[in-house]
Amino acid sequence: MAAQVLVAGKKYEGKYVAFESFTSTKVVSSGKDPVRVINAAEKKGIVEPVVVFVPRSDIAYIY
């Protein structure tokens, strides 16, 4: 199975990113505060935005 990249590039590193849905790759809002990211997406008419955190590439994250 090929890997799917939701967000490419360094523009969104270290930020929360909202998508229209689980199948969409269109970023509708982004920022450091997830609540503000959700609110911004909802103001654009997205009823249930999908929000993910994009880690910085120079830091190892352990979940």
C-alpha atoms as a PDB file:
ATOM      1  CA  MET A   1       0.000   0.000   0.000  1.00  0.00           C
ATOM      2  CA  ALA A   2       1.371   3.401  -0.959  1.00  0.00           C
ATOM      3  CA  ALA A   3       1.673   6.086   1.709  1.00  0.00           C
ATOM      4  CA  GLN A   4      -0.704   9.030   1.494  1.00  0.00           C
ATOM      5  CA  VAL A   5       0.667  12.477   2.289  1.00  0.00           C
ATOM      6  CA  LEU A   6      -1.970  14.868   3.594  1.00  0.00           C
ATOM      7  CA  VAL A   7       0.237  17.934   3.916  1.00  0.00           C
ATOM      8  CA  ALA A   8       3.479  18.432   2.000  1.00  0.00           C
ATOM      9  CA  GLY A   9       6.108  21.066   2.576  1.00  0.00           C
ATOM     10  CA  LYS A  10       7.178  23.045   5.609  1.00  0.00           C
ATOM     11  CA  LYS A  11       4.348  25.606   5.593  1.00  0.00           C
ATOM     12  CA  TYR A  12       2.244  23.699   8.129  1.00  0.00           C
ATOM     13  CA  GLU A  13       4.982  22.159  10.314  1.00  0.00           C
ATOM     14  CA  GLY A  14       4.247  22.562  14.023  1.00  0.00           C
ATOM     15  CA  LYS A  15       0.646  23.616  13.339  1.00  0.00           C
ATOM     16  CA  TYR A  16      -2.857  22.198  13.454  1.00  0.00           C
ATOM     17  CA  VAL A  17      -4.507  21.812  10.055  1.00  0.00           C
ATOM     18  CA  ALA A  18      -8.219  21.454   9.294  1.00  0.00           C
ATOM     19  CA  PHE A  19      -9.579  19.522   6.317  1.00  0.00           C
ATOM     20  CA  GLU A  20     -13.121  19.419   4.924  1.00  0.00           C
ATOM     21  CA  SER A  21     -13.410  15.672   5.598  1.00  0.00           C
ATOM     22  CA  PHE A  22     -11.383  12.495   6.138  1.00  0.00           C
ATOM     23  CA  THR A  23     -11.152  12.002   2.367  1.00  0.00           C
ATOM     24  CA  SER A  24     -10.200  15.588   1.525  1.00  0.00           C
ATOM     25  CA  THR A  25      -6.665  16.930   1.229  1.00  0.00           C
ATOM     26  CA  LYS A  26      -7.822  20.545   0.915  1.00  0.00           C
ATOM     27  CA  VAL A  27      -6.604  22.612   3.886  1.00  0.00           C
ATOM     28  CA  VAL A  28      -9.376  24.963   5.016  1.00  0.00           C
ATOM     29  CA  SER A  29      -7.586  26.516   8.018  1.00  0.00           C
ATOM     30  CA  SER A  30      -4.400  26.177  10.041  1.00  0.00           C
ATOM     31  CA  GLY A  31      -2.694  27.582  13.109  1.00  0.00           C
ATOM     32  CA  LYS A  32      -1.084  26.926  16.487  1.00  0.00           C
ATOM     33  CA  ASP A  33      -4.384  26.777  18.448  1.00  0.00           C
ATOM     34  CA  PRO A  34      -6.672  23.837  17.542  1.00  0.00           C
ATOM     35  CA  VAL A  35      -9.808  25.593  18.814  1.00  0.00           C
ATOM     36  CA  ARG A  36      -9.169  28.595  16.575  1.00  0.00           C
ATOM     37  CA  VAL A  37      -8.460  26.271  13.646  1.00  0.00           C
ATOM     38  CA  ILE A  38     -11.826  24.538  14.181  1.00  0.00           C
ATOM     39  CA  ASN A  39     -13.657  27.857  14.556  1.00  0.00           C
ATOM     40  CA  ALA A  40     -12.066  29.225  11.368  1.00  0.00           C
ATOM     41  CA  ALA A  41     -13.075  26.097   9.433  1.00  0.00           C
ATOM     42  CA  GLU A  42     -16.640  26.303  10.758  1.00  0.00           C
ATOM     43  CA  LYS A  43     -16.847  29.971   9.704  1.00  0.00           C
ATOM     44  CA  LYS A  44     -16.027  28.767   6.178  1.00  0.00           C
ATOM     45  CA  GLY A  45     -19.039  26.449   6.297  1.00  0.00           C
ATOM     46  CA  ILE A  46     -17.354  23.179   7.233  1.00  0.00           C
ATOM     47  CA  VAL A  47     -19.766  21.456   9.635  1.00  0.00           C
ATOM     48  CA  GLU A  48     -17.364  18.846  11.058  1.00  0.00           C
ATOM     49  CA  PRO A  49     -13.782  19.719  10.138  1.00  0.00           C
ATOM     50  CA  VAL A  50     -11.070  17.084  10.538  1.00  0.00           C
ATOM     51  CA  VAL A  51      -8.117  18.532  12.465  1.00  0.00           C
ATOM     52  CA  VAL A  52      -4.643  16.995  12.585  1.00  0.00           C
ATOM     53  CA  PHE A  53      -1.327  18.148  14.018  1.00  0.00           C
ATOM     54  CA  VAL A  54       1.579  18.338  11.567  1.00  0.00           C
ATOM     55  CA  PRO A  55       4.822  17.678  13.475  1.00  0.00           C
ATOM     56  CA  ARG A  56       8.014  19.545  12.718  1.00  0.00           C
ATOM     57  CA  SER A  57      10.428  17.499  10.649  1.00  0.00           C
ATOM     58  CA  ASP A  58      13.411  18.213  12.910  1.00  0.00           C
ATOM     59  CA  ILE A  59      11.832  16.821  16.096  1.00  0.00           C
ATOM     60  CA  ALA A  60      11.071  13.196  17.006  1.00  0.00           C
ATOM     61  CA  TYR A  61       7.562  12.738  18.392  1.00  0.00           C
ATOM     62  CA  ILE A  62       6.692   9.689  20.483  1.00  0.00           C
ATOM     63  CA  TYR A  63       3.001   8.878  20.773  1.00  0.00           C
END
